[in-house]
N, C-alpha and C. Protein backbone atom coordinates (compact mmCIF):
# COMPACT_ATOMS: atom_id res chain seq x y z
N MET A 1 0.80 -1.04 0.04
CA MET A 1 0.02 -0.05 -0.10
C MET A 1 1.00 1.21 -0.07
N LEU A 2 1.90 1.36 0.78
CA LEU A 2 2.74 2.26 0.83
C LEU A 2 3.46 2.41 -0.44
N LYS A 3 4.05 1.60 -1.07
CA LYS A 3 4.75 2.01 -2.67
C LYS A 3 3.37 2.45 -3.80
N ILE A 4 2.38 1.89 -3.42
CA ILE A 4 1.46 2.66 -4.44
C ILE A 4 1.42 4.09 -4.35
N VAL A 5 1.38 4.42 -2.68
CA VAL A 5 1.23 5.68 -2.43
C VAL A 5 2.37 6.82 -2.82
N LEU A 6 3.31 5.97 -2.95
CA LEU A 6 4.79 6.77 -3.28
C LEU A 6 4.69 7.30 -4.75
N ALA A 7 4.34 6.11 -5.17
CA ALA A 7 4.34 6.22 -6.71
C ALA A 7 3.30 6.85 -7.38
N THR A 8 2.21 7.21 -6.40
CA THR A 8 0.96 7.75 -6.75
C THR A 8 1.80 9.81 -7.02
N PHE A 9 2.32 9.90 -5.96
CA PHE A 9 2.74 11.25 -5.31
C PHE A 9 3.74 11.71 -6.25
N THR A 10 4.85 10.48 -6.67
CA THR A 10 5.75 11.28 -7.68
C THR A 10 5.28 11.22 -8.91
N LEU A 11 4.22 10.43 -9.24
CA LEU A 11 3.60 11.10 -10.66
C LEU A 11 2.82 12.40 -10.37
N ALA A 12 2.37 12.81 -9.31
CA ALA A 12 1.93 13.52 -9.31
C ALA A 12 2.68 14.73 -9.34
N MET A 13 3.48 14.73 -8.56
CA MET A 13 4.83 15.67 -8.58
C MET A 13 5.31 16.09 -9.97
N GLY A 14 5.13 15.10 -10.83
CA GLY A 14 5.96 15.45 -12.46
C GLY A 14 7.39 14.68 -12.18
N CYS A 15 7.78 14.08 -10.97
CA CYS A 15 9.03 13.51 -11.33
C CYS A 15 9.31 11.91 -11.79
N VAL A 16 9.94 12.21 -12.42
CA VAL A 16 10.76 10.63 -13.12
C VAL A 16 11.68 10.12 -12.70
N PRO A 17 12.10 9.33 -11.42
CA PRO A 17 13.58 9.50 -11.32
C PRO A 17 14.40 8.54 -12.42
N ASP A 18 16.08 9.11 -12.39
CA ASP A 18 16.65 8.69 -13.37
C ASP A 18 17.12 7.26 -13.70
N PRO A 19 16.95 6.26 -14.44
CA PRO A 19 17.34 5.24 -14.61
C PRO A 19 18.91 5.13 -14.26
N LYS A 20 18.82 3.95 -13.89
CA LYS A 20 20.50 3.28 -13.55
C LYS A 20 21.13 3.10 -14.75
N PRO A 21 22.38 3.80 -14.49
CA PRO A 21 23.01 3.55 -15.66
C PRO A 21 23.61 1.72 -15.56
N GLU A 22 23.36 1.54 -16.95
CA GLU A 22 23.40 -0.25 -17.26
C GLU A 22 25.04 0.10 -17.47
N LEU A 23 25.92 -1.00 -16.54
CA LEU A 23 27.03 -1.34 -16.81
C LEU A 23 27.37 -2.56 -18.27
N ASN A 24 27.96 -2.26 -18.48
CA ASN A 24 28.72 -3.09 -19.33
C ASN A 24 29.42 -4.16 -18.57
N PRO A 25 28.77 -5.53 -18.37
CA PRO A 25 30.26 -6.18 -18.06
C PRO A 25 31.40 -6.76 -18.24
N ASN A 26 31.77 -6.26 -19.38
CA ASN A 26 32.86 -6.30 -20.48
C ASN A 26 34.00 -4.97 -19.93
N THR A 27 33.29 -4.01 -19.52
CA THR A 27 34.19 -2.87 -19.20
C THR A 27 33.98 -2.81 -17.74
N GLY A 28 33.06 -2.71 -16.95
CA GLY A 28 33.28 -2.41 -15.83
C GLY A 28 33.01 -1.16 -15.34
N LEU A 29 33.30 -0.94 -13.77
CA LEU A 29 32.86 0.36 -13.39
C LEU A 29 34.32 1.61 -14.08
N ALA A 30 35.16 1.26 -14.58
CA ALA A 30 36.11 1.94 -14.74
C ALA A 30 36.21 2.62 -16.15
N SER A 31 35.46 1.55 -17.16
CA SER A 31 34.85 2.68 -18.09
C SER A 31 34.38 4.04 -17.97
N LEU A 32 33.28 3.39 -17.03
CA LEU A 32 32.02 4.30 -16.77
C LEU A 32 32.57 5.37 -16.37
N LEU A 33 33.65 5.56 -15.37
CA LEU A 33 34.28 6.69 -15.13
C LEU A 33 35.25 7.77 -16.23
N ILE A 34 35.81 6.60 -16.77
CA ILE A 34 36.46 7.32 -17.56
C ILE A 34 36.10 7.75 -18.55
N ALA A 35 34.50 7.49 -19.41
CA ALA A 35 33.63 7.94 -20.47
C ALA A 35 33.11 9.25 -19.59
N THR A 36 32.87 9.39 -18.44
CA THR A 36 32.41 10.57 -17.51
C THR A 36 33.32 11.71 -17.33
N SER A 37 34.11 11.23 -16.88
CA SER A 37 35.59 12.29 -16.83
C SER A 37 35.73 13.06 -18.29
N THR A 38 35.87 12.55 -19.17
CA THR A 38 35.77 12.83 -20.60
C THR A 38 35.04 13.34 -21.61
N GLU A 39 34.12 13.76 -20.87
CA GLU A 39 32.59 14.33 -21.40
C GLU A 39 33.31 15.68 -21.95
N GLY A 40 33.06 15.82 -23.51
CA GLY A 40 33.46 17.37 -24.15
C GLY A 40 34.77 17.46 -24.16
N THR A 41 35.91 16.59 -23.84
CA THR A 41 36.95 16.67 -24.17
C THR A 41 37.54 15.91 -25.59
N ASP A 42 38.08 16.64 -26.49
CA ASP A 42 38.38 16.36 -27.54
C ASP A 42 39.69 15.14 -27.40
N ILE A 43 39.39 13.75 -27.44
CA ILE A 43 40.77 12.81 -27.15
C ILE A 43 41.02 12.46 -28.43
N SER A 44 40.98 12.73 -29.73
CA SER A 44 41.79 12.11 -30.60
C SER A 44 43.20 12.33 -30.57
N PRO A 45 43.65 11.22 -31.50
CA PRO A 45 45.28 11.42 -31.08
C PRO A 45 45.99 12.65 -31.86
N LYS A 46 46.82 13.03 -31.18
CA LYS A 46 47.78 14.18 -31.59
C LYS A 46 49.28 13.72 -32.28
N PRO A 47 49.49 14.36 -33.56
CA PRO A 47 50.39 14.37 -34.18
C PRO A 47 51.58 14.30 -32.99
N ASP A 48 52.50 13.21 -33.32
CA ASP A 48 54.24 13.46 -32.64
C ASP A 48 54.78 14.74 -33.12
N PRO A 49 55.37 15.80 -31.98
CA PRO A 49 56.39 16.96 -32.22
C PRO A 49 57.30 16.38 -33.12
N ASP A 50 57.40 17.37 -34.15
CA ASP A 50 58.74 17.57 -34.39
C ASP A 50 60.06 16.70 -33.71
N PRO A 51 60.87 15.66 -34.44
CA PRO A 51 61.77 15.59 -32.99
C PRO A 51 63.25 16.36 -33.15
N ALA A 52 63.11 17.31 -34.45
CA ALA A 52 64.47 17.79 -34.58
C ALA A 52 63.97 19.30 -33.87
N VAL A 53 63.35 19.49 -33.26
CA VAL A 53 63.15 20.59 -32.48
C VAL A 53 63.06 20.21 -31.36
N CYS A 54 63.79 21.08 -30.65
CA CYS A 54 64.00 21.12 -29.27
C CYS A 54 63.14 21.65 -28.33
N LYS A 55 62.21 20.41 -27.14
CA LYS A 55 61.15 20.92 -26.73
C LYS A 55 61.80 21.68 -25.81
N ASN A 56 63.04 21.87 -25.40
CA ASN A 56 63.19 23.10 -24.54
C ASN A 56 63.32 24.45 -24.61
N CYS A 57 63.85 24.63 -25.71
CA CYS A 57 63.80 26.25 -26.22
C CYS A 57 63.22 25.94 -27.47
N ASN A 58 62.33 24.86 -27.80
CA ASN A 58 61.57 25.52 -29.24
C ASN A 58 62.29 25.53 -30.65
N GLY A 59 63.35 24.77 -30.72
CA GLY A 59 64.37 25.50 -31.76
C GLY A 59 64.99 26.52 -32.25
N LYS A 60 64.89 27.27 -30.88
CA LYS A 60 65.56 28.55 -31.10
C LYS A 60 67.17 28.61 -30.75
N GLY A 61 67.25 27.71 -29.89
CA GLY A 61 68.87 27.35 -29.16
C GLY A 61 69.03 28.70 -27.97
N TRP A 62 68.25 29.11 -27.53
CA TRP A 62 68.65 29.66 -26.30
C TRP A 62 67.34 29.77 -25.29
N VAL A 63 67.68 29.82 -23.72
CA VAL A 63 66.11 29.68 -22.90
C VAL A 63 66.60 31.44 -22.06
N GLY A 64 65.30 31.54 -21.97
CA GLY A 64 65.54 33.27 -21.03
C GLY A 64 64.47 33.83 -21.55
N ASP A 65 64.51 34.93 -20.68
CA ASP A 65 63.28 36.09 -20.90
C ASP A 65 62.71 36.64 -21.70
N GLY A 66 64.02 36.65 -23.13
CA GLY A 66 64.18 37.47 -24.28
C GLY A 66 65.23 38.51 -24.03
N VAL A 67 65.09 39.02 -23.16
CA VAL A 67 66.64 39.60 -22.55
C VAL A 67 67.44 39.04 -22.23
N THR A 68 68.02 38.74 -21.17
CA THR A 68 68.55 37.73 -20.86
C THR A 68 68.36 36.37 -21.39
N LYS A 69 69.44 35.84 -22.25
CA LYS A 69 69.44 34.29 -22.75
C LYS A 69 70.22 33.61 -22.18
N TYR A 70 70.21 32.69 -22.57
CA TYR A 70 71.20 31.66 -22.14
C TYR A 70 71.68 30.20 -22.76
N ASP A 71 72.13 30.04 -23.16
CA ASP A 71 72.58 28.46 -24.52
C ASP A 71 71.86 27.25 -23.73
N CYS A 72 71.03 26.69 -24.66
CA CYS A 72 69.87 25.63 -24.23
C CYS A 72 70.89 24.32 -24.29
N ASP A 73 70.97 23.75 -22.75
CA ASP A 73 71.76 22.70 -22.70
C ASP A 73 71.20 21.50 -23.32
N ALA A 74 69.60 21.18 -23.75
CA ALA A 74 69.46 20.42 -24.03
C ALA A 74 69.31 20.48 -25.90
N CYS A 75 70.02 20.80 -26.52
CA CYS A 75 70.32 20.67 -27.89
C CYS A 75 71.55 21.11 -28.03
N ASP A 76 72.04 20.91 -29.64
CA ASP A 76 73.08 21.50 -29.57
C ASP A 76 72.95 22.79 -30.84
N LEU A 77 72.11 23.39 -30.80
CA LEU A 77 72.07 24.64 -31.94
C LEU A 77 72.69 25.96 -30.87
N ASP A 78 73.24 26.74 -31.91
CA ASP A 78 73.80 27.50 -31.37
C ASP A 78 73.09 29.15 -31.85
N PRO A 79 72.99 29.98 -30.51
CA PRO A 79 72.26 31.02 -30.65
C PRO A 79 72.94 32.10 -32.19
N LEU A 80 74.50 31.92 -31.76
CA LEU A 80 74.87 32.86 -32.64
C LEU A 80 75.14 32.28 -34.06
N ALA A 81 74.87 30.93 -34.13
CA ALA A 81 75.20 30.25 -35.82
C ALA A 81 74.37 31.37 -36.86
N GLY A 82 73.11 32.07 -36.29
CA GLY A 82 72.66 32.71 -37.43
C GLY A 82 73.33 33.91 -37.70
N ILE A 83 74.10 34.67 -36.61
CA ILE A 83 74.77 35.45 -37.32
C ILE A 83 76.28 35.56 -37.68
N GLU A 84 76.72 34.37 -37.33
CA GLU A 84 77.77 33.84 -38.25
C GLU A 84 77.34 33.83 -39.77
N VAL A 85 76.54 32.90 -39.78
CA VAL A 85 76.30 33.19 -40.77
C VAL A 85 75.82 34.14 -42.05
N MET A 86 75.24 34.73 -41.32
CA MET A 86 74.72 36.42 -42.09
C MET A 86 76.43 36.98 -42.05
N ALA A 87 77.28 37.63 -40.98
CA ALA A 87 78.72 38.07 -41.16
C ALA A 87 79.14 37.45 -42.33
N GLY A 88 78.95 36.25 -42.96
CA GLY A 88 79.79 35.11 -43.77
C GLY A 88 79.19 35.72 -45.17
N VAL A 89 77.81 35.87 -45.06
CA VAL A 89 77.11 36.52 -46.48
C VAL A 89 77.76 38.34 -46.85
N ILE A 90 77.85 38.78 -45.60
CA ILE A 90 78.17 40.13 -45.95
C ILE A 90 79.64 40.28 -46.34
N LYS A 91 80.46 39.62 -45.78
CA LYS A 91 82.00 39.50 -46.40
C LYS A 91 82.20 38.82 -47.55
N GLU A 92 81.18 38.21 -48.35
CA GLU A 92 81.22 37.85 -49.61
C GLU A 92 81.03 38.86 -50.25
N LEU A 93 79.57 39.51 -50.14
CA LEU A 93 78.82 40.79 -50.53
C LEU A 93 80.12 42.16 -50.99
N ASN A 94 80.56 41.83 -49.62
CA ASN A 94 81.66 42.78 -49.67
C ASN A 94 82.78 42.74 -50.64
N ALA A 95 83.46 41.95 -50.59
CA ALA A 95 84.41 41.16 -51.82
C ALA A 95 84.00 41.34 -52.95
N LYS A 96 82.64 40.87 -53.49
CA LYS A 96 81.98 41.01 -54.68
C LYS A 96 82.32 42.44 -55.11
N VAL A 97 81.69 43.62 -54.21
CA VAL A 97 81.44 44.77 -54.12
C VAL A 97 82.99 45.56 -54.66
N ALA A 98 83.81 45.02 -53.76
CA ALA A 98 85.47 45.33 -53.87
C ALA A 98 85.74 45.21 -55.32
N ALA A 99 85.50 43.85 -55.63
CA ALA A 99 86.00 43.42 -57.07
C ALA A 99 85.15 44.41 -58.26
N PHE A 100 83.87 44.61 -58.31
CA PHE A 100 83.53 45.15 -58.73
C PHE A 100 83.97 47.37 -58.73
N GLU A 101 84.10 47.48 -58.24
CA GLU A 101 84.65 48.73 -57.58
C GLU A 101 85.92 48.78 -58.59
N ARG A 102 86.75 47.89 -58.57
CA ARG A 102 88.10 47.18 -58.98
C ARG A 102 88.02 47.77 -60.64
N GLN A 103 86.71 46.80 -61.24
CA GLN A 103 87.05 46.76 -62.28
C GLN A 103 85.87 48.06 -62.89
N ILE A 104 85.85 48.76 -61.99
CA ILE A 104 85.20 50.35 -62.96
C ILE A 104 86.43 51.10 -63.06
N GLN A 105 86.97 51.19 -61.53
CA GLN A 105 88.44 51.60 -61.79
C GLN A 105 89.27 51.26 -62.88
N MET A 106 89.19 49.96 -63.28
CA MET A 106 90.04 49.58 -64.31
C MET A 106 89.69 50.48 -65.68
N MET A 107 88.10 50.13 -65.65
CA MET A 107 87.59 50.77 -66.95
C MET A 107 87.79 52.27 -67.30
N GLN A 108 87.71 52.96 -66.12
CA GLN A 108 87.74 54.33 -65.97
C GLN A 108 89.32 54.66 -66.32
N ALA A 109 90.23 54.35 -65.89
CA ALA A 109 91.69 54.13 -66.07
C ALA A 109 91.68 54.35 -67.89
N GLU A 110 91.05 53.04 -68.39
CA GLU A 110 91.09 52.98 -70.04
C GLU A 110 90.68 54.14 -70.47
N GLN A 111 89.53 54.38 -70.00
CA GLN A 111 88.53 55.39 -70.59
C GLN A 111 89.84 56.73 -70.94
N GLU A 112 90.36 57.06 -69.62
CA GLU A 112 90.93 58.04 -69.56
C GLU A 112 92.06 57.80 -70.53
N VAL A 113 92.57 56.84 -70.73
CA VAL A 113 94.01 57.10 -72.15
C VAL A 113 93.27 56.64 -73.40
N ASP A 114 92.31 56.36 -73.38
CA ASP A 114 91.82 56.56 -74.89
C ASP A 114 90.72 57.78 -74.81
N ALA A 115 90.96 58.77 -74.44
CA ALA A 115 90.53 60.21 -74.52
C ALA A 115 91.37 61.67 -74.31
N ILE A 116 90.88 62.52 -74.53
CA ILE A 116 91.80 63.71 -74.87
C ILE A 116 92.54 63.77 -73.20
N ASN A 117 93.95 64.10 -73.50
CA ASN A 117 94.52 63.99 -72.28
C ASN A 117 94.44 65.35 -71.29
N TRP A 118 93.64 66.14 -70.89
CA TRP A 118 93.87 67.56 -70.22
C TRP A 118 94.57 67.29 -69.00
N VAL A 119 95.62 68.30 -69.45
CA VAL A 119 96.30 68.99 -68.05
C VAL A 119 96.95 70.67 -67.76
N SER A 120 97.23 70.70 -66.65
CA SER A 120 97.35 72.00 -66.32
C SER A 120 97.99 72.87 -68.01
N TYR A 121 98.25 73.98 -67.54
CA TYR A 121 99.42 74.92 -68.80
C TYR A 121 100.69 74.64 -68.06
N ASP A 122 100.67 75.02 -66.88
CA ASP A 122 102.08 74.92 -66.43
C ASP A 122 102.90 73.17 -67.03
N GLU A 123 101.94 72.08 -66.45
CA GLU A 123 102.35 71.07 -67.23
C GLU A 123 102.42 71.02 -68.95
N ALA A 124 101.98 71.27 -69.57
CA ALA A 124 101.86 71.78 -70.87
C ALA A 124 102.93 71.97 -71.58
N LEU A 125 103.67 73.25 -70.49
CA LEU A 125 104.65 74.21 -71.26
C LEU A 125 106.13 72.49 -70.84
N LYS A 126 105.92 71.91 -70.07
CA LYS A 126 106.93 70.93 -69.99
C LYS A 126 107.16 69.56 -70.80
N THR A 127 106.29 69.46 -71.66
CA THR A 127 105.92 68.74 -72.55
C THR A 127 106.69 68.57 -73.76
N GLY A 128 107.19 70.07 -74.33
CA GLY A 128 108.03 70.14 -75.63
C GLY A 128 107.04 69.98 -76.88
N LYS A 129 105.24 69.87 -76.49
CA LYS A 129 104.71 69.93 -77.84
C LYS A 129 104.07 71.07 -78.04
N PRO A 130 103.23 71.38 -79.29
CA PRO A 130 102.74 72.32 -79.47
C PRO A 130 101.57 72.55 -78.39
N ILE A 131 100.42 73.29 -78.20
CA ILE A 131 99.81 73.57 -77.10
C ILE A 131 98.44 74.09 -77.69
N TRP A 132 96.90 72.86 -77.91
CA TRP A 132 95.86 73.34 -77.73
C TRP A 132 95.37 73.81 -76.52
N VAL A 133 94.70 75.11 -76.28
CA VAL A 133 94.08 75.56 -75.08
C VAL A 133 92.46 76.06 -75.43
N HIS A 134 91.87 75.05 -74.93
CA HIS A 134 90.40 75.25 -74.73
C HIS A 134 89.88 75.65 -73.89
N PHE A 135 89.09 76.69 -74.52
CA PHE A 135 87.90 77.78 -73.28
C PHE A 135 86.43 77.34 -73.43
N GLU A 136 86.19 77.22 -72.50
CA GLU A 136 84.71 76.50 -72.20
C GLU A 136 83.62 76.90 -71.09
N GLY A 137 82.39 76.80 -70.96
CA GLY A 137 81.55 77.04 -69.81
C GLY A 137 80.92 76.12 -69.48
N THR A 138 80.40 76.41 -68.27
CA THR A 138 79.75 75.17 -67.30
C THR A 138 78.18 75.30 -68.18
N ASN A 139 77.39 76.66 -68.40
CA ASN A 139 76.66 76.75 -68.77
C ASN A 139 76.54 76.93 -70.36
N CYS A 140 77.26 76.49 -70.92
CA CYS A 140 77.66 76.79 -72.63
C CYS A 140 76.72 75.37 -73.62
N GLY A 141 75.73 75.91 -74.18
CA GLY A 141 75.52 74.89 -75.16
C GLY A 141 76.18 74.40 -75.69
N PRO A 142 76.56 75.39 -76.56
CA PRO A 142 77.57 74.58 -77.74
C PRO A 142 79.11 73.76 -76.82
N CYS A 143 79.48 74.62 -76.35
CA CYS A 143 80.61 74.07 -75.25
C CYS A 143 80.03 72.15 -74.90
N ARG A 144 78.40 71.94 -74.54
CA ARG A 144 78.30 70.52 -74.56
C ARG A 144 78.35 69.99 -75.57
N ARG A 145 77.81 70.62 -77.10
CA ARG A 145 77.52 69.61 -78.32
C ARG A 145 79.44 69.30 -78.51
N LEU A 146 80.01 69.95 -78.34
CA LEU A 146 81.72 69.66 -78.38
C LEU A 146 81.75 68.55 -77.80
N GLU A 147 81.63 69.12 -76.87
CA GLU A 147 82.11 67.72 -75.60
C GLU A 147 81.52 66.71 -75.98
N SER A 148 80.00 66.46 -76.42
CA SER A 148 79.39 65.30 -76.77
C SER A 148 79.50 64.71 -78.14
N GLN A 149 79.94 65.26 -79.23
CA GLN A 149 79.95 65.02 -80.14
C GLN A 149 81.23 64.87 -80.86
N VAL A 150 82.04 65.94 -80.11
CA VAL A 150 83.47 65.97 -80.57
C VAL A 150 84.49 65.49 -79.81
N PHE A 151 84.59 66.00 -78.86
CA PHE A 151 85.52 65.05 -77.98
C PHE A 151 85.41 63.50 -77.12
N SER A 152 84.42 63.20 -77.47
CA SER A 152 83.95 61.79 -77.54
C SER A 152 84.63 60.79 -78.36
N ASP A 153 85.01 61.59 -79.81
CA ASP A 153 85.32 60.79 -81.09
C ASP A 153 86.54 60.14 -81.10
N PRO A 154 86.79 58.77 -81.31
CA PRO A 154 88.55 58.50 -81.30
C PRO A 154 89.11 58.97 -82.27
N GLU A 155 88.80 59.63 -82.99
CA GLU A 155 89.91 60.59 -84.00
C GLU A 155 89.99 61.46 -83.52
N ILE A 156 89.16 61.89 -82.72
CA ILE A 156 90.04 63.50 -81.84
C ILE A 156 90.65 63.06 -81.23
N TRP A 157 90.51 62.34 -80.20
CA TRP A 157 91.59 61.67 -79.49
C TRP A 157 92.94 61.75 -80.03
N GLU A 158 92.95 60.86 -81.40
CA GLU A 158 94.34 60.21 -82.10
C GLU A 158 94.90 61.70 -82.20
N ILE A 159 94.12 62.63 -82.91
CA ILE A 159 94.84 63.91 -82.94
C ILE A 159 95.42 64.80 -82.44
N SER A 160 94.42 64.43 -81.15
CA SER A 160 94.91 65.31 -79.96
C SER A 160 96.48 64.78 -79.22
N ARG A 161 96.91 63.54 -79.64
CA ARG A 161 98.13 62.96 -78.83
C ARG A 161 99.35 64.09 -79.37
N GLY A 162 99.14 64.80 -80.50
CA GLY A 162 99.97 65.52 -80.86
C GLY A 162 100.33 67.05 -80.04
N PHE A 163 99.05 67.18 -79.26
CA PHE A 163 99.41 68.30 -78.68
C PHE A 163 99.46 68.08 -76.92
N ALA A 164 99.53 68.86 -76.13
CA ALA A 164 99.74 69.22 -74.77
C ALA A 164 98.12 69.62 -74.53
N CYS A 165 97.25 69.37 -74.06
CA CYS A 165 95.81 69.80 -74.00
C CYS A 165 95.88 70.32 -72.73
N VAL A 166 94.96 71.37 -72.72
CA VAL A 166 95.03 72.62 -71.89
C VAL A 166 93.12 72.82 -71.89
N LYS A 167 92.41 72.99 -70.76
CA LYS A 167 91.02 73.38 -70.70
C LYS A 167 90.77 74.56 -69.68
N PHE A 168 90.17 75.29 -69.84
CA PHE A 168 89.82 76.35 -69.17
C PHE A 168 88.12 76.60 -68.79
N THR A 169 87.75 76.38 -67.48
CA THR A 169 86.55 76.46 -67.66
C THR A 169 85.94 77.50 -66.83
N ASP A 170 84.90 78.04 -67.43
CA ASP A 170 84.63 79.76 -66.99
C ASP A 170 85.99 80.57 -66.43
N SER A 171 86.81 80.62 -67.11
CA SER A 171 87.85 81.68 -66.69
C SER A 171 88.30 82.72 -68.03
N PRO A 172 87.39 83.87 -68.01
CA PRO A 172 87.58 85.13 -68.92
C PRO A 172 89.03 85.43 -68.60
N LYS A 173 89.71 85.59 -67.62
CA LYS A 173 90.99 86.04 -66.96
C LYS A 173 92.29 85.48 -67.97
N ALA A 174 91.85 83.37 -68.28
CA ALA A 174 92.54 83.18 -68.85
C ALA A 174 92.57 83.57 -70.58
N MET A 175 91.31 84.10 -70.71
CA MET A 175 91.31 84.27 -72.16
C MET A 175 91.80 85.47 -72.90
N THR A 176 91.78 86.41 -71.60
CA THR A 176 92.04 87.69 -71.63
C THR A 176 93.54 87.72 -72.08
N ALA A 177 94.41 86.85 -71.08
CA ALA A 177 95.72 86.53 -71.51
C ALA A 177 95.80 85.95 -72.40
N PHE A 178 95.23 84.82 -73.29
CA PHE A 178 95.99 84.95 -74.45
C PHE A 178 95.23 85.65 -75.85
N GLY A 179 94.74 86.95 -75.35
CA GLY A 179 94.28 88.03 -76.51
C GLY A 179 92.95 87.32 -76.76
N LEU A 180 91.88 86.87 -76.27
CA LEU A 180 90.79 86.34 -76.69
C LEU A 180 89.84 87.49 -76.09
N PRO A 181 88.34 87.69 -76.89
CA PRO A 181 87.42 88.25 -76.22
C PRO A 181 86.94 87.17 -75.27
N THR A 182 85.94 87.30 -74.35
CA THR A 182 85.43 86.20 -73.63
C THR A 182 83.86 85.70 -74.05
N THR A 183 84.02 85.41 -75.65
CA THR A 183 83.07 84.71 -76.28
C THR A 183 83.71 82.83 -75.94
N ILE A 184 82.78 82.03 -75.86
CA ILE A 184 83.07 80.49 -76.08
C ILE A 184 82.52 79.80 -76.65
N PRO A 185 82.36 78.86 -77.06
CA PRO A 185 83.68 77.87 -77.05
C PRO A 185 85.23 78.91 -77.72
N ALA A 186 85.76 78.72 -77.35
CA ALA A 186 87.39 79.22 -78.07
C ALA A 186 88.61 78.54 -77.98
N ASP A 187 89.45 78.77 -78.70
CA ASP A 187 90.76 77.86 -78.77
C ASP A 187 91.90 79.17 -79.05
N ALA A 188 92.95 78.61 -78.47
CA ALA A 188 94.36 79.00 -78.83
C ALA A 188 95.64 78.37 -79.07
N PHE A 189 96.07 78.15 -80.12
CA PHE A 189 97.12 76.96 -79.84
C PHE A 189 98.65 77.78 -80.11
N VAL A 190 99.37 77.47 -78.97
CA VAL A 190 100.46 77.72 -78.57
C VAL A 190 102.04 76.94 -79.51
N SER A 191 103.11 77.45 -80.27
CA SER A 191 103.69 76.56 -80.97
C SER A 191 104.60 76.05 -79.73
N THR A 192 105.93 75.22 -79.94
CA THR A 192 106.70 75.08 -79.00
C THR A 192 107.83 76.04 -78.36
N ASP A 193 107.60 76.90 -79.31
CA ASP A 193 108.64 78.05 -78.80
C ASP A 193 107.89 79.39 -78.44
N LYS A 194 106.60 78.70 -77.72
CA LYS A 194 105.60 79.66 -76.64
C LYS A 194 104.99 80.72 -77.45
N LYS A 195 104.58 80.51 -79.00
CA LYS A 195 104.41 81.97 -79.33
C LYS A 195 102.62 81.41 -79.90
N ILE A 196 101.72 82.42 -79.72
CA ILE A 196 100.74 81.93 -80.20
C ILE A 196 99.86 82.01 -81.61
N TYR A 197 100.41 81.05 -82.50
CA TYR A 197 99.78 80.54 -83.35
C TYR A 197 98.87 80.82 -84.20
N HIS A 198 97.54 80.63 -83.24
CA HIS A 198 95.93 80.80 -83.32
C HIS A 198 95.32 81.11 -82.45
N GLN A 199 94.34 81.90 -82.76
CA GLN A 199 93.51 82.18 -81.72
C GLN A 199 92.19 82.27 -82.14
N GLY A 200 91.08 81.90 -81.57
CA GLY A 200 89.53 82.41 -82.25
C GLY A 200 88.62 81.52 -81.87
N LEU A 201 87.28 81.46 -82.32
CA LEU A 201 86.20 80.75 -81.65
C LEU A 201 86.46 79.39 -82.42
N SER A 202 85.87 78.62 -81.72
CA SER A 202 86.18 76.96 -81.99
C SER A 202 84.73 77.15 -83.26
N PRO A 203 85.23 76.13 -84.02
CA PRO A 203 84.05 75.52 -85.42
C PRO A 203 82.86 74.56 -84.84
N GLY A 204 81.99 74.48 -85.03
CA GLY A 204 81.09 73.38 -85.15
C GLY A 204 81.73 71.90 -84.82
N PRO A 205 81.05 71.01 -84.32
CA PRO A 205 80.82 69.96 -84.86
C PRO A 205 81.52 69.02 -85.63
N SER A 206 80.71 69.52 -86.77
CA SER A 206 81.45 69.29 -88.62
C SER A 206 82.48 69.43 -89.08
N GLN A 207 83.12 70.67 -88.63
CA GLN A 207 84.07 71.03 -88.76
C GLN A 207 85.24 71.10 -88.15
N PHE A 208 85.22 70.45 -87.05
CA PHE A 208 86.24 70.66 -86.01
C PHE A 208 87.32 69.33 -86.12
N LYS A 209 87.24 68.15 -86.65
CA LYS A 209 88.10 67.64 -87.14
C LYS A 209 89.36 68.10 -87.69
N ALA A 210 88.69 68.91 -88.96
CA ALA A 210 89.77 69.40 -89.84
C ALA A 210 90.38 70.37 -89.57
N TYR A 211 89.95 71.58 -88.42
CA TYR A 211 90.47 72.62 -87.75
C TYR A 211 91.69 71.96 -87.03
N LEU A 212 90.96 71.07 -86.17
CA LEU A 212 91.89 70.77 -85.41
C LEU A 212 93.50 70.09 -86.07
N THR A 213 93.16 69.31 -87.07
CA THR A 213 94.33 68.96 -87.99
C THR A 213 95.50 69.57 -88.45
N SER A 214 94.57 70.75 -88.80
CA SER A 214 95.05 71.61 -89.60
C SER A 214 96.11 72.51 -88.22
N LYS A 215 95.70 72.98 -87.22
CA LYS A 215 96.52 73.17 -86.17
C LYS A 215 97.70 72.26 -85.48
N SER A 216 97.16 70.95 -85.82
CA SER A 216 98.35 70.12 -85.61
C SER A 216 99.54 70.28 -86.28
N LEU A 217 99.64 70.87 -87.33
CA LEU A 217 101.20 71.18 -87.96
C LEU A 217 101.83 71.76 -87.40
N GLY A 218 101.56 72.02 -85.93
CA GLY A 218 102.34 73.24 -84.90
C GLY A 218 103.60 74.40 -85.86
N HIS A 219 102.39 75.23 -86.42
CA HIS A 219 102.75 76.65 -87.03
C HIS A 219 103.65 77.63 -86.20
N THR A 220 104.31 78.14 -86.24
CA THR A 220 105.25 78.88 -85.51
C THR A 220 105.15 80.71 -86.10
N ASP A 221 104.30 80.48 -86.93
CA ASP A 221 103.86 81.94 -87.31
C ASP A 221 102.46 82.65 -86.92
N VAL A 222 102.32 83.53 -86.16
CA VAL A 222 100.97 84.19 -85.70
C VAL A 222 100.00 84.22 -86.56
N GLU A 223 98.75 83.78 -86.38
CA GLU A 223 97.87 83.99 -86.95
C GLU A 223 97.00 84.60 -86.32
N ARG A 224 96.60 85.49 -86.78
CA ARG A 224 95.72 86.52 -85.89
C ARG A 224 94.29 86.51 -87.01
């Protein structure tokens, strides 16, 4: 009678007792506890960590707080190895740069040989050659055309070998000393006995080769 009353009271209150967990006789209580404790947890197998990476320093080669660093005793990684490699790369690059600079210097030296050899007037007097004195200006358009179209010509270089070549830039006093007005470009030619045998405005690019050739004869008479 009491069981019937309790059952009736339970149903009236809307309470249904939880059924007892069913135990698998093959697993026992241990399996039930494991299942309960791992609820909501990913228990899938994880890949093994890379054995080549030190678990102590995570492959960095050092341990510490980032400010103070100590060599990792658990691996053979050297924290200075990267710096040494970079130093080797920089050394190799410096060697290549030095070789490239030497090559440029050699090219410049060769270019200077295959060009007009401009010297000072005092040096020119010591050569024993007739002197070609050229006057130009920094902001002179015709001067720049002579420089790009005439003075870069190998045939002009060859003709210039017969002279001691002097160039004055933006020097009206020098032009006055050679009896020239201050109009540029201009030239003066001095013989081996130090007499001016020609002075005047420079011809254009198309006439300059014949002009310089004619003056290379080393006239001693003064042409006005």
